[in-house]
C-alpha cells in the first residue's frame, strides 16, 4: 500500500507539528480537533513555521503551496479517504480509545491507525478497534518539525507488514525510525528520560544540589542540548507527570517526585504556560535558560539510572 493521505487527530503541539511534517513531504493531510479555536491556532502556528523556514531558505516551495495540501476540520469526515491516521491527543487512555473507535468506524479498511502516545501500551489502545493488526505506535519527538527520531512500537497484535510500512512512512517523512521488538511501558525514550529526571529530582529534593546546578551539569558536562529541568519545561510538566504516573502504575518506576506534581498543581506547566521551573517570555515561547558555568554535581551520577535502563533494554532484546 502506498500512503497518500495522512490524517492527524489532535491539533496541539505534537499534532499540528506532525501534520506540518507530513505536508512538507508531499502528503495530503487532514487535521482534526474538537474546536475550531484549536484548529485556527494550529493553522496560525503552522503558517508561522513555514514562513520562517521560507525566509531562511529552508523551504523550496512557497508556504501557501504546502498549506494547500492541508485541510482542517472538527469532523472525522475528512478521514474517509485516509490511508494512515495518527492520533495525538492527551495521554488519557479512555480518550485515545474513543478516538480510535471513531477512526475505526470512518477510515477505509486498509487504513493504518497509529498512536503518538509516549507511554500507554499500544495493545490497550488497539483493543478498541476491529483492526487490531493495523494499529501501531508512532511516537514523534517535540518539536516534530525539527526532531529526527521516531519510535515505532508494534503491539502484540500488529502485523509485520504494518510495522514495515510505518518504518517506510517515517523515512518518507525524513525521519529516523527506531523500532522496538515489542512494547514496554514508556518505550525507549521515556524510560530513559524518566530515569534521568528521577536522579535529578532526588539530588534536588535531598538538598545535594539546586535545579540550576543539575541543569548546568546536564548541559555543560554531559553536553545535552538542554538541562534536564529545562527539558521537562519544554516537554510540558503535565506531560512529564502523566508519563511518570503511567510508569509508576505499571511498576516500571517506584519512586515519586513531588517537584513536578507541585508545579502542575500550581498550573505552572513549563514553556506552554510561560512558567515552570524557569520563566519564559510568554506562554508557548521558549528562550534558552541562563545557567551557571560551574556545578558540583557529578555527571556520572546524573546518568547512572538511565545507563542501567538502557542496558536492561538491550539485554532483553527490546531494541538494538
C-alpha atoms as a PDB file:
ATOM      1  CA  UNK A   1       0.000   0.000   0.000  1.00  0.00           C
ATOM      2  CA  UNK A   2       1.214   3.487  -0.874  1.00  0.00           C
ATOM      3  CA  UNK A   3       0.247   6.116   1.690  1.00  0.00           C
ATOM      4  CA  UNK A   4      -1.052   9.270   0.006  1.00  0.00           C
ATOM      5  CA  UNK A   5      -3.230  10.882   2.672  1.00  0.00           C
ATOM      6  CA  UNK A   6      -2.486  11.175   6.383  1.00  0.00           C
ATOM      7  CA  UNK A   7      -4.996  12.330   8.977  1.00  0.00           C
ATOM      8  CA  UNK A   8      -3.870  13.613  12.378  1.00  0.00           C
ATOM      9  CA  UNK A   9      -6.286  13.802  15.318  1.00  0.00           C
ATOM     10  CA  UNK A  10      -5.337  16.433  17.887  1.00  0.00           C
ATOM     11  CA  UNK A  11      -4.142  19.920  16.924  1.00  0.00           C
ATOM     12  CA  UNK A  12      -1.917  20.570  19.934  1.00  0.00           C
ATOM     13  CA  UNK A  13       1.854  20.998  19.869  1.00  0.00           C
ATOM     14  CA  UNK A  14       2.555  17.452  18.698  1.00  0.00           C
ATOM     15  CA  UNK A  15      -0.471  17.081  16.428  1.00  0.00           C
ATOM     16  CA  UNK A  16      -0.017  20.229  14.381  1.00  0.00           C
ATOM     17  CA  UNK A  17       3.735  19.577  14.229  1.00  0.00           C
ATOM     18  CA  UNK A  18       3.207  16.068  12.830  1.00  0.00           C
ATOM     19  CA  UNK A  19       0.659  17.412  10.338  1.00  0.00           C
ATOM     20  CA  UNK A  20       3.135  20.067   9.198  1.00  0.00           C
ATOM     21  CA  UNK A  21       5.877  17.475   8.674  1.00  0.00           C
ATOM     22  CA  UNK A  22       3.546  15.291   6.598  1.00  0.00           C
ATOM     23  CA  UNK A  23       2.524  18.234   4.403  1.00  0.00           C
ATOM     24  CA  UNK A  24       6.152  19.322   3.988  1.00  0.00           C
ATOM     25  CA  UNK A  25       6.986  15.933   2.485  1.00  0.00           C
ATOM     26  CA  UNK A  26       4.187  15.941  -0.047  1.00  0.00           C
ATOM     27  CA  UNK A  27       1.342  14.111   1.671  1.00  0.00           C
ATOM     28  CA  UNK A  28      -2.258  15.259   1.642  1.00  0.00           C
ATOM     29  CA  UNK A  29      -3.068  15.989   5.269  1.00  0.00           C
ATOM     30  CA  UNK A  30      -6.201  16.330   7.374  1.00  0.00           C
ATOM     31  CA  UNK A  31      -6.026  17.800  10.885  1.00  0.00           C
ATOM     32  CA  UNK A  32      -8.948  17.124  13.232  1.00  0.00           C
ATOM     33  CA  UNK A  33      -9.766  18.595  16.634  1.00  0.00           C
ATOM     34  CA  UNK A  34     -12.860  19.212  18.735  1.00  0.00           C
ATOM     35  CA  UNK A  35     -12.653  23.006  18.467  1.00  0.00           C
ATOM     36  CA  UNK A  36     -12.237  25.474  15.611  1.00  0.00           C
ATOM     37  CA  UNK A  37     -10.296  27.674  18.034  1.00  0.00           C
ATOM     38  CA  UNK A  38      -7.700  24.905  18.423  1.00  0.00           C
ATOM     39  CA  UNK A  39      -7.610  24.328  14.667  1.00  0.00           C
ATOM     40  CA  UNK A  40      -7.254  28.020  13.813  1.00  0.00           C
ATOM     41  CA  UNK A  41      -4.456  28.380  16.355  1.00  0.00           C
ATOM     42  CA  UNK A  42      -2.745  25.321  14.874  1.00  0.00           C
ATOM     43  CA  UNK A  43      -3.036  26.738  11.356  1.00  0.00           C
ATOM     44  CA  UNK A  44      -1.519  30.030  12.525  1.00  0.00           C
ATOM     45  CA  UNK A  45       1.437  28.230  14.093  1.00  0.00           C
ATOM     46  CA  UNK A  46       1.982  26.048  11.032  1.00  0.00           C
ATOM     47  CA  UNK A  47       1.840  29.124   8.777  1.00  0.00           C
ATOM     48  CA  UNK A  48       4.307  30.976  11.010  1.00  0.00           C
ATOM     49  CA  UNK A  49       6.673  27.987  10.990  1.00  0.00           C
ATOM     50  CA  UNK A  50       6.514  27.644   7.195  1.00  0.00           C
ATOM     51  CA  UNK A  51       7.104  31.370   6.699  1.00  0.00           C
ATOM     52  CA  UNK A  52      10.198  31.265   8.923  1.00  0.00           C
ATOM     53  CA  UNK A  53      11.596  28.282   7.018  1.00  0.00           C
ATOM     54  CA  UNK A  54      10.923  30.049   3.714  1.00  0.00           C
ATOM     55  CA  UNK A  55      12.662  33.229   4.881  1.00  0.00           C
ATOM     56  CA  UNK A  56      15.717  31.195   5.937  1.00  0.00           C
ATOM     57  CA  UNK A  57      15.865  29.386   2.593  1.00  0.00           C
ATOM     58  CA  UNK A  58      14.979  26.049   4.194  1.00  0.00           C
ATOM     59  CA  UNK A  59      11.779  25.623   2.180  1.00  0.00           C
ATOM     60  CA  UNK A  60      11.845  25.251  -1.606  1.00  0.00           C
ATOM     61  CA  UNK A  61       8.083  25.560  -2.012  1.00  0.00           C
ATOM     62  CA  UNK A  62       6.068  28.607  -1.099  1.00  0.00           C
ATOM     63  CA  UNK A  63       4.317  28.284   2.282  1.00  0.00           C
ATOM     64  CA  UNK A  64       0.906  28.556   0.626  1.00  0.00           C
ATOM     65  CA  UNK A  65       1.728  25.551  -1.584  1.00  0.00           C
ATOM     66  CA  UNK A  66       2.404  23.403   1.490  1.00  0.00           C
ATOM     67  CA  UNK A  67      -0.767  24.694   3.162  1.00  0.00           C
ATOM     68  CA  UNK A  68      -2.783  23.838   0.043  1.00  0.00           C
ATOM     69  CA  UNK A  69      -2.205  20.151   0.839  1.00  0.00           C
ATOM     70  CA  UNK A  70      -3.787  20.566   4.282  1.00  0.00           C
ATOM     71  CA  UNK A  71      -7.394  20.631   5.443  1.00  0.00           C
ATOM     72  CA  UNK A  72      -8.691  21.379   8.928  1.00  0.00           C
ATOM     73  CA  UNK A  73     -11.979  20.188  10.404  1.00  0.00           C
ATOM     74  CA  UNK A  74     -13.846  19.324  13.591  1.00  0.00           C
ATOM     75  CA  UNK A  75     -15.467  16.404  11.754  1.00  0.00           C
ATOM     76  CA  UNK A  76     -13.980  12.956  11.212  1.00  0.00           C
ATOM     77  CA  UNK A  77     -15.454  13.045   7.699  1.00  0.00           C
ATOM     78  CA  UNK A  78     -12.089  14.199   6.315  1.00  0.00           C
ATOM     79  CA  UNK A  79     -10.692  10.807   7.381  1.00  0.00           C
ATOM     80  CA  UNK A  80     -12.960   8.865   4.991  1.00  0.00           C
ATOM     81  CA  UNK A  81     -10.203   8.610   2.374  1.00  0.00           C
ATOM     82  CA  UNK A  82      -7.194   8.446   4.705  1.00  0.00           C
ATOM     83  CA  UNK A  83      -4.534   5.783   4.220  1.00  0.00           C
ATOM     84  CA  UNK A  84      -2.848   6.445   7.547  1.00  0.00           C
ATOM     85  CA  UNK A  85      -4.144   8.114  10.723  1.00  0.00           C
ATOM     86  CA  UNK A  86      -2.078   9.401  13.638  1.00  0.00           C
ATOM     87  CA  UNK A  87      -3.719  10.111  16.988  1.00  0.00           C
ATOM     88  CA  UNK A  88      -2.024  12.867  19.022  1.00  0.00           C
ATOM     89  CA  UNK A  89      -4.427  13.683  21.861  1.00  0.00           C
ATOM     90  CA  UNK A  90      -3.503  13.959  25.587  1.00  0.00           C
ATOM     91  CA  UNK A  91      -2.146  10.934  27.495  1.00  0.00           C
ATOM     92  CA  UNK A  92      -5.512   9.597  28.623  1.00  0.00           C
ATOM     93  CA  UNK A  93      -6.250   6.030  27.620  1.00  0.00           C
ATOM     94  CA  UNK A  94     -10.039   6.411  27.515  1.00  0.00           C
ATOM     95  CA  UNK A  95      -9.754   9.494  25.312  1.00  0.00           C
ATOM     96  CA  UNK A  96      -7.369   7.679  22.986  1.00  0.00           C
ATOM     97  CA  UNK A  97      -9.620   4.622  22.790  1.00  0.00           C
ATOM     98  CA  UNK A  98     -12.550   6.902  21.938  1.00  0.00           C
ATOM     99  CA  UNK A  99     -10.548   8.463  19.091  1.00  0.00           C
ATOM    100  CA  UNK A 100      -9.564   5.027  17.793  1.00  0.00           C
ATOM    101  CA  UNK A 101     -13.155   3.816  17.815  1.00  0.00           C
ATOM    102  CA  UNK A 102     -14.112   6.844  15.701  1.00  0.00           C
ATOM    103  CA  UNK A 103     -11.218   6.311  13.296  1.00  0.00           C
ATOM    104  CA  UNK A 104     -12.002   2.604  13.040  1.00  0.00           C
ATOM    105  CA  UNK A 105     -15.572   3.390  12.015  1.00  0.00           C
ATOM    106  CA  UNK A 106     -14.819   6.012   9.381  1.00  0.00           C
ATOM    107  CA  UNK A 107     -11.452   5.248   7.763  1.00  0.00           C
ATOM    108  CA  UNK A 108     -11.149   2.762   4.874  1.00  0.00           C
ATOM    109  CA  UNK A 109     -10.493  -0.848   5.854  1.00  0.00           C
ATOM    110  CA  UNK A 110      -6.938  -0.655   4.503  1.00  0.00           C
ATOM    111  CA  UNK A 111      -6.014   2.359   6.661  1.00  0.00           C
ATOM    112  CA  UNK A 112      -3.391   2.001   9.369  1.00  0.00           C
ATOM    113  CA  UNK A 113      -4.135   3.628  12.721  1.00  0.00           C
ATOM    114  CA  UNK A 114      -1.142   4.926  14.686  1.00  0.00           C
ATOM    115  CA  UNK A 115      -0.890   6.494  18.114  1.00  0.00           C
ATOM    116  CA  UNK A 116       1.657   9.105  19.151  1.00  0.00           C
ATOM    117  CA  UNK A 117       1.352   8.026  22.788  1.00  0.00           C
ATOM    118  CA  UNK A 118       4.539   8.377  24.772  1.00  0.00           C
ATOM    119  CA  UNK A 119       3.757   5.819  27.463  1.00  0.00           C
ATOM    120  CA  UNK A 120       0.431   3.955  27.110  1.00  0.00           C
ATOM    121  CA  UNK A 121       0.648   0.328  25.849  1.00  0.00           C
ATOM    122  CA  UNK A 122      -0.340   0.114  22.192  1.00  0.00           C
ATOM    123  CA  UNK A 123      -2.247  -3.143  22.728  1.00  0.00           C
ATOM    124  CA  UNK A 124      -4.607  -1.442  25.189  1.00  0.00           C
ATOM    125  CA  UNK A 125      -5.463   1.147  22.536  1.00  0.00           C
ATOM    126  CA  UNK A 126      -5.697  -1.388  19.691  1.00  0.00           C
ATOM    127  CA  UNK A 127      -8.349  -3.371  21.551  1.00  0.00           C
ATOM    128  CA  UNK A 128     -10.810  -0.508  20.989  1.00  0.00           C
ATOM    129  CA  UNK A 129     -10.832  -1.330  17.253  1.00  0.00           C
ATOM    130  CA  UNK A 130     -11.822  -4.128  14.892  1.00  0.00           C
ATOM    131  CA  UNK A 131      -8.460  -3.934  13.121  1.00  0.00           C
ATOM    132  CA  UNK A 132      -6.007  -4.613  15.937  1.00  0.00           C
ATOM    133  CA  UNK A 133      -3.386  -5.876  13.485  1.00  0.00           C
ATOM    134  CA  UNK A 134      -3.367  -2.451  11.790  1.00  0.00           C
ATOM    135  CA  UNK A 135      -2.727  -0.442  14.982  1.00  0.00           C
ATOM    136  CA  UNK A 136       0.818   0.665  15.838  1.00  0.00           C
ATOM    137  CA  UNK A 137       2.730   3.197  17.902  1.00  0.00           C
ATOM    138  CA  UNK A 138       4.455   6.033  16.031  1.00  0.00           C
ATOM    139  CA  UNK A 139       5.964   8.311  18.659  1.00  0.00           C
ATOM    140  CA  UNK A 140       7.373  11.601  17.365  1.00  0.00           C
ATOM    141  CA  UNK A 141       9.544  13.914  19.442  1.00  0.00           C
ATOM    142  CA  UNK A 142       8.959  17.566  20.261  1.00  0.00           C
ATOM    143  CA  UNK A 143       9.147  19.626  18.087  1.00  0.00           C
ATOM    144  CA  UNK A 144       8.271  17.179  15.283  1.00  0.00           C
ATOM    145  CA  UNK A 145       9.449  19.527  12.517  1.00  0.00           C
ATOM    146  CA  UNK A 146      12.994  19.531  13.929  1.00  0.00           C
ATOM    147  CA  UNK A 147      13.499  16.272  15.812  1.00  0.00           C
ATOM    148  CA  UNK A 148      14.612  13.391  13.603  1.00  0.00           C
ATOM    149  CA  UNK A 149      13.827  10.311  15.689  1.00  0.00           C
ATOM    150  CA  UNK A 150      10.516   8.461  15.594  1.00  0.00           C
ATOM    151  CA  UNK A 151       9.849   5.420  17.781  1.00  0.00           C
ATOM    152  CA  UNK A 152       7.908   2.666  16.002  1.00  0.00           C
ATOM    153  CA  UNK A 153       6.226   0.361  18.505  1.00  0.00           C
ATOM    154  CA  UNK A 154       4.284  -2.757  17.476  1.00  0.00           C
ATOM    155  CA  UNK A 155       1.623  -4.097  19.811  1.00  0.00           C
ATOM    156  CA  UNK A 156       1.145  -7.809  20.410  1.00  0.00           C
ATOM    157  CA  UNK A 157      -1.401  -7.678  17.566  1.00  0.00           C
ATOM    158  CA  UNK A 158       0.485  -5.582  14.970  1.00  0.00           C
ATOM    159  CA  UNK A 159       1.285  -7.356  11.704  1.00  0.00           C
ATOM    160  CA  UNK A 160       4.828  -7.373  10.343  1.00  0.00           C
ATOM    161  CA  UNK A 161       3.593  -5.657   7.177  1.00  0.00           C
ATOM    162  CA  UNK A 162       2.155  -2.732   9.155  1.00  0.00           C
ATOM    163  CA  UNK A 163       5.428  -2.376  11.058  1.00  0.00           C
ATOM    164  CA  UNK A 164       7.458  -2.222   7.856  1.00  0.00           C
ATOM    165  CA  UNK A 165       5.048   0.209   6.209  1.00  0.00           C
ATOM    166  CA  UNK A 166       5.234   2.525   9.238  1.00  0.00           C
ATOM    167  CA  UNK A 167       9.029   2.469   9.150  1.00  0.00           C
ATOM    168  CA  UNK A 168       8.912   3.296   5.440  1.00  0.00           C
ATOM    169  CA  UNK A 169       6.486   6.154   6.111  1.00  0.00           C
ATOM    170  CA  UNK A 170       8.777   7.603   8.781  1.00  0.00           C
ATOM    171  CA  UNK A 171      11.641   7.580   6.281  1.00  0.00           C
ATOM    172  CA  UNK A 172       9.456   9.245   3.630  1.00  0.00           C
ATOM    173  CA  UNK A 173       8.895  11.998   6.215  1.00  0.00           C
ATOM    174  CA  UNK A 174      12.689  12.324   6.532  1.00  0.00           C
ATOM    175  CA  UNK A 175      12.739  10.771   9.996  1.00  0.00           C
ATOM    176  CA  UNK A 176      14.992   8.143  11.548  1.00  0.00           C
ATOM    177  CA  UNK A 177      12.804   5.268  12.798  1.00  0.00           C
ATOM    178  CA  UNK A 178      13.769   3.366  15.948  1.00  0.00           C
ATOM    179  CA  UNK A 179      11.813   0.108  16.029  1.00  0.00           C
ATOM    180  CA  UNK A 180      11.155  -1.730  19.263  1.00  0.00           C
ATOM    181  CA  UNK A 181      10.943  -5.524  19.063  1.00  0.00           C
ATOM    182  CA  UNK A 182       7.900  -5.395  21.338  1.00  0.00           C
ATOM    183  CA  UNK A 183       6.113  -2.845  23.501  1.00  0.00           C
ATOM    184  CA  UNK A 184       7.108  -1.963  27.037  1.00  0.00           C
ATOM    185  CA  UNK A 185       5.711   0.875  29.206  1.00  0.00           C
ATOM    186  CA  UNK A 186       7.390   4.160  28.280  1.00  0.00           C
ATOM    187  CA  UNK A 187       9.078   2.583  25.244  1.00  0.00           C
ATOM    188  CA  UNK A 188      12.772   3.567  24.924  1.00  0.00           C
ATOM    189  CA  UNK A 189      12.991   7.337  25.124  1.00  0.00           C
ATOM    190  CA  UNK A 190      10.676   7.987  28.043  1.00  0.00           C
ATOM    191  CA  UNK A 191      12.057   5.174  30.168  1.00  0.00           C
ATOM    192  CA  UNK A 192      15.482   6.794  29.828  1.00  0.00           C
ATOM    193  CA  UNK A 193      14.078  10.324  30.228  1.00  0.00           C
ATOM    194  CA  UNK A 194      12.221   9.482  33.445  1.00  0.00           C
ATOM    195  CA  UNK A 195      15.316   7.759  34.873  1.00  0.00           C
ATOM    196  CA  UNK A 196      17.302  10.952  34.216  1.00  0.00           C
ATOM    197  CA  UNK A 197      14.600  13.041  35.894  1.00  0.00           C
ATOM    198  CA  UNK A 198      14.355  10.556  38.771  1.00  0.00           C
ATOM    199  CA  UNK A 199      18.008  11.087  39.719  1.00  0.00           C
ATOM    200  CA  UNK A 200      17.811  14.837  39.041  1.00  0.00           C
ATOM    201  CA  UNK A 201      14.804  15.085  41.349  1.00  0.00           C
ATOM    202  CA  UNK A 202      16.492  13.023  44.064  1.00  0.00           C
ATOM    203  CA  UNK A 203      19.518  15.323  44.090  1.00  0.00           C
ATOM    204  CA  UNK A 204      17.351  18.436  44.422  1.00  0.00           C
ATOM    205  CA  UNK A 205      14.886  17.039  46.981  1.00  0.00           C
ATOM    206  CA  UNK A 206      17.731  15.684  49.129  1.00  0.00           C
ATOM    207  CA  UNK A 207      19.402  19.097  49.157  1.00  0.00           C
ATOM    208  CA  UNK A 208      22.536  17.847  47.399  1.00  0.00           C
ATOM    209  CA  UNK A 209      22.127  20.298  44.526  1.00  0.00           C
ATOM    210  CA  UNK A 210      19.936  23.054  43.135  1.00  0.00           C
ATOM    211  CA  UNK A 211      17.857  22.791  39.973  1.00  0.00           C
ATOM    212  CA  UNK A 212      20.281  25.160  38.246  1.00  0.00           C
ATOM    213  CA  UNK A 213      23.301  23.074  39.286  1.00  0.00           C
ATOM    214  CA  UNK A 214      21.761  19.859  37.956  1.00  0.00           C
ATOM    215  CA  UNK A 215      20.944  21.599  34.686  1.00  0.00           C
ATOM    216  CA  UNK A 216      24.419  23.118  34.448  1.00  0.00           C
ATOM    217  CA  UNK A 217      25.954  19.650  34.705  1.00  0.00           C
ATOM    218  CA  UNK A 218      23.455  18.287  32.170  1.00  0.00           C
ATOM    219  CA  UNK A 219      24.301  20.945  29.627  1.00  0.00           C
ATOM    220  CA  UNK A 220      27.980  21.728  30.281  1.00  0.00           C
ATOM    221  CA  UNK A 221      29.371  18.351  31.369  1.00  0.00           C
ATOM    222  CA  UNK A 222      27.042  15.833  29.729  1.00  0.00           C
ATOM    223  CA  UNK A 223      26.715  18.094  26.656  1.00  0.00           C
ATOM    224  CA  UNK A 224      22.950  17.695  26.466  1.00  0.00           C
ATOM    225  CA  UNK A 225      21.262  20.451  24.419  1.00  0.00           C
ATOM    226  CA  UNK A 226      19.123  21.406  27.446  1.00  0.00           C
ATOM    227  CA  UNK A 227      19.279  20.988  31.183  1.00  0.00           C
ATOM    228  CA  UNK A 228      17.019  18.210  32.465  1.00  0.00           C
ATOM    229  CA  UNK A 229      14.585  20.517  34.263  1.00  0.00           C
ATOM    230  CA  UNK A 230      14.724  22.879  31.283  1.00  0.00           C
ATOM    231  CA  UNK A 231      13.847  19.951  29.000  1.00  0.00           C
ATOM    232  CA  UNK A 232      10.977  18.964  31.293  1.00  0.00           C
ATOM    233  CA  UNK A 233       9.669  22.534  30.987  1.00  0.00           C
ATOM    234  CA  UNK A 234       9.937  22.263  27.205  1.00  0.00           C
ATOM    235  CA  UNK A 235       8.112  18.921  27.048  1.00  0.00           C
ATOM    236  CA  UNK A 236       5.412  20.136  29.450  1.00  0.00           C
ATOM    237  CA  UNK A 237       5.367  19.322  33.155  1.00  0.00           C
ATOM    238  CA  UNK A 238       1.838  17.935  32.874  1.00  0.00           C
ATOM    239  CA  UNK A 239       3.085  15.523  30.205  1.00  0.00           C
ATOM    240  CA  UNK A 240       6.019  14.521  32.421  1.00  0.00           C
ATOM    241  CA  UNK A 241       3.656  13.806  35.336  1.00  0.00           C
ATOM    242  CA  UNK A 242       1.351  11.774  33.064  1.00  0.00           C
ATOM    243  CA  UNK A 243       4.268   9.648  31.837  1.00  0.00           C
ATOM    244  CA  UNK A 244       5.616   9.222  35.363  1.00  0.00           C
ATOM    245  CA  UNK A 245       2.175   8.125  36.609  1.00  0.00           C
ATOM    246  CA  UNK A 246       1.816   5.544  33.820  1.00  0.00           C
ATOM    247  CA  UNK A 247       5.268   4.095  34.529  1.00  0.00           C
ATOM    248  CA  UNK A 248       4.576   4.058  38.276  1.00  0.00           C
ATOM    249  CA  UNK A 249       1.203   2.338  37.836  1.00  0.00           C
ATOM    250  CA  UNK A 250       2.855  -0.379  35.745  1.00  0.00           C
ATOM    251  CA  UNK A 251       5.705  -0.967  38.183  1.00  0.00           C
ATOM    252  CA  UNK A 252       8.460   0.475  35.983  1.00  0.00           C
ATOM    253  CA  UNK A 253       9.258   3.363  38.332  1.00  0.00           C
ATOM    254  CA  UNK A 254       8.759   3.038  42.086  1.00  0.00           C
ATOM    255  CA  UNK A 255       9.985   6.498  43.099  1.00  0.00           C
ATOM    256  CA  UNK A 256       7.759   9.566  43.214  1.00  0.00           C
ATOM    257  CA  UNK A 257       8.884  13.166  42.821  1.00  0.00           C
ATOM    258  CA  UNK A 258       6.868  15.984  44.360  1.00  0.00           C
ATOM    259  CA  UNK A 259       8.762  18.681  42.421  1.00  0.00           C
ATOM    260  CA  UNK A 260       6.891  18.037  39.188  1.00  0.00           C
ATOM    261  CA  UNK A 261       3.464  17.440  40.688  1.00  0.00           C
ATOM    262  CA  UNK A 262       3.594  20.654  42.735  1.00  0.00           C
ATOM    263  CA  UNK A 263       4.350  22.697  39.607  1.00  0.00           C
ATOM    264  CA  UNK A 264       1.408  21.113  37.793  1.00  0.00           C
ATOM    265  CA  UNK A 265      -0.882  21.791  40.757  1.00  0.00           C
ATOM    266  CA  UNK A 266       0.191  25.451  40.550  1.00  0.00           C
ATOM    267  CA  UNK A 267      -0.676  25.435  36.808  1.00  0.00           C
ATOM    268  CA  UNK A 268       2.979  26.168  36.027  1.00  0.00           C
ATOM    269  CA  UNK A 269       3.356  23.686  33.171  1.00  0.00           C
ATOM    270  CA  UNK A 270       6.598  24.924  31.641  1.00  0.00           C
ATOM    271  CA  UNK A 271       7.034  26.662  28.300  1.00  0.00           C
ATOM    272  CA  UNK A 272       3.382  26.161  27.306  1.00  0.00           C
ATOM    273  CA  UNK A 273       2.183  28.254  30.272  1.00  0.00           C
ATOM    274  CA  UNK A 274       5.142  30.646  30.323  1.00  0.00           C
ATOM    275  CA  UNK A 275       6.475  29.373  33.648  1.00  0.00           C
ATOM    276  CA  UNK A 276       7.663  26.086  35.108  1.00  0.00           C
ATOM    277  CA  UNK A 277      10.991  25.549  36.821  1.00  0.00           C
ATOM    278  CA  UNK A 278      12.068  28.609  34.833  1.00  0.00           C
ATOM    279  CA  UNK A 279      10.237  31.653  33.449  1.00  0.00           C
ATOM    280  CA  UNK A 280       9.805  32.267  29.702  1.00  0.00           C
ATOM    281  CA  UNK A 281       8.990  35.388  27.617  1.00  0.00           C
ATOM    282  CA  UNK A 282       5.374  34.345  27.002  1.00  0.00           C
ATOM    283  CA  UNK A 283       3.195  31.203  27.019  1.00  0.00           C
ATOM    284  CA  UNK A 284       4.440  28.908  24.265  1.00  0.00           C
ATOM    285  CA  UNK A 285       7.599  30.954  23.655  1.00  0.00           C
ATOM    286  CA  UNK A 286      10.830  29.195  24.613  1.00  0.00           C
ATOM    287  CA  UNK A 287      14.087  31.007  25.288  1.00  0.00           C
ATOM    288  CA  UNK A 288      17.333  29.342  26.338  1.00  0.00           C
ATOM    289  CA  UNK A 289      17.784  29.305  30.100  1.00  0.00           C
ATOM    290  CA  UNK A 290      20.868  31.026  31.504  1.00  0.00           C
ATOM    291  CA  UNK A 291      22.757  28.582  33.731  1.00  0.00           C
ATOM    292  CA  UNK A 292      25.936  28.783  35.833  1.00  0.00           C
ATOM    293  CA  UNK A 293      29.028  27.534  34.020  1.00  0.00           C
ATOM    294  CA  UNK A 294      30.259  25.531  37.019  1.00  0.00           C
ATOM    295  CA  UNK A 295      28.489  22.837  39.024  1.00  0.00           C
ATOM    296  CA  UNK A 296      29.479  20.391  41.778  1.00  0.00           C
ATOM    297  CA  UNK A 297      27.027  17.748  40.521  1.00  0.00           C
ATOM    298  CA  UNK A 298      28.688  14.512  39.359  1.00  0.00           C
ATOM    299  CA  UNK A 299      27.638  13.820  35.732  1.00  0.00           C
ATOM    300  CA  UNK A 300      28.148  10.066  36.166  1.00  0.00           C
ATOM    301  CA  UNK A 301      25.607  10.104  38.972  1.00  0.00           C
ATOM    302  CA  UNK A 302      23.066  12.004  36.862  1.00  0.00           C
ATOM    303  CA  UNK A 303      23.112   9.411  34.075  1.00  0.00           C
ATOM    304  CA  UNK A 304      23.625   6.257  36.169  1.00  0.00           C
ATOM    305  CA  UNK A 305      19.969   5.151  36.311  1.00  0.00           C
ATOM    306  CA  UNK A 306      19.474   5.936  32.618  1.00  0.00           C
ATOM    307  CA  UNK A 307      22.529   3.865  31.633  1.00  0.00           C
ATOM    308  CA  UNK A 308      21.227   0.929  33.659  1.00  0.00           C
ATOM    309  CA  UNK A 309      17.807   1.259  31.999  1.00  0.00           C
ATOM    310  CA  UNK A 310      19.336   1.323  28.513  1.00  0.00           C
ATOM    311  CA  UNK A 311      21.449  -1.743  29.325  1.00  0.00           C
ATOM    312  CA  UNK A 312      18.377  -3.619  30.550  1.00  0.00           C
ATOM    313  CA  UNK A 313      16.514  -2.904  27.292  1.00  0.00           C
ATOM    314  CA  UNK A 314      19.438  -4.110  25.174  1.00  0.00           C
ATOM    315  CA  UNK A 315      19.944  -7.249  27.273  1.00  0.00           C
ATOM    316  CA  UNK A 316      16.255  -8.118  26.949  1.00  0.00           C
ATOM    317  CA  UNK A 317      16.232  -7.709  23.169  1.00  0.00           C
ATOM    318  CA  UNK A 318      13.759  -4.829  23.147  1.00  0.00           C
ATOM    319  CA  UNK A 319      15.971  -2.637  20.994  1.00  0.00           C
ATOM    320  CA  UNK A 320      19.431  -2.983  19.470  1.00  0.00           C
END
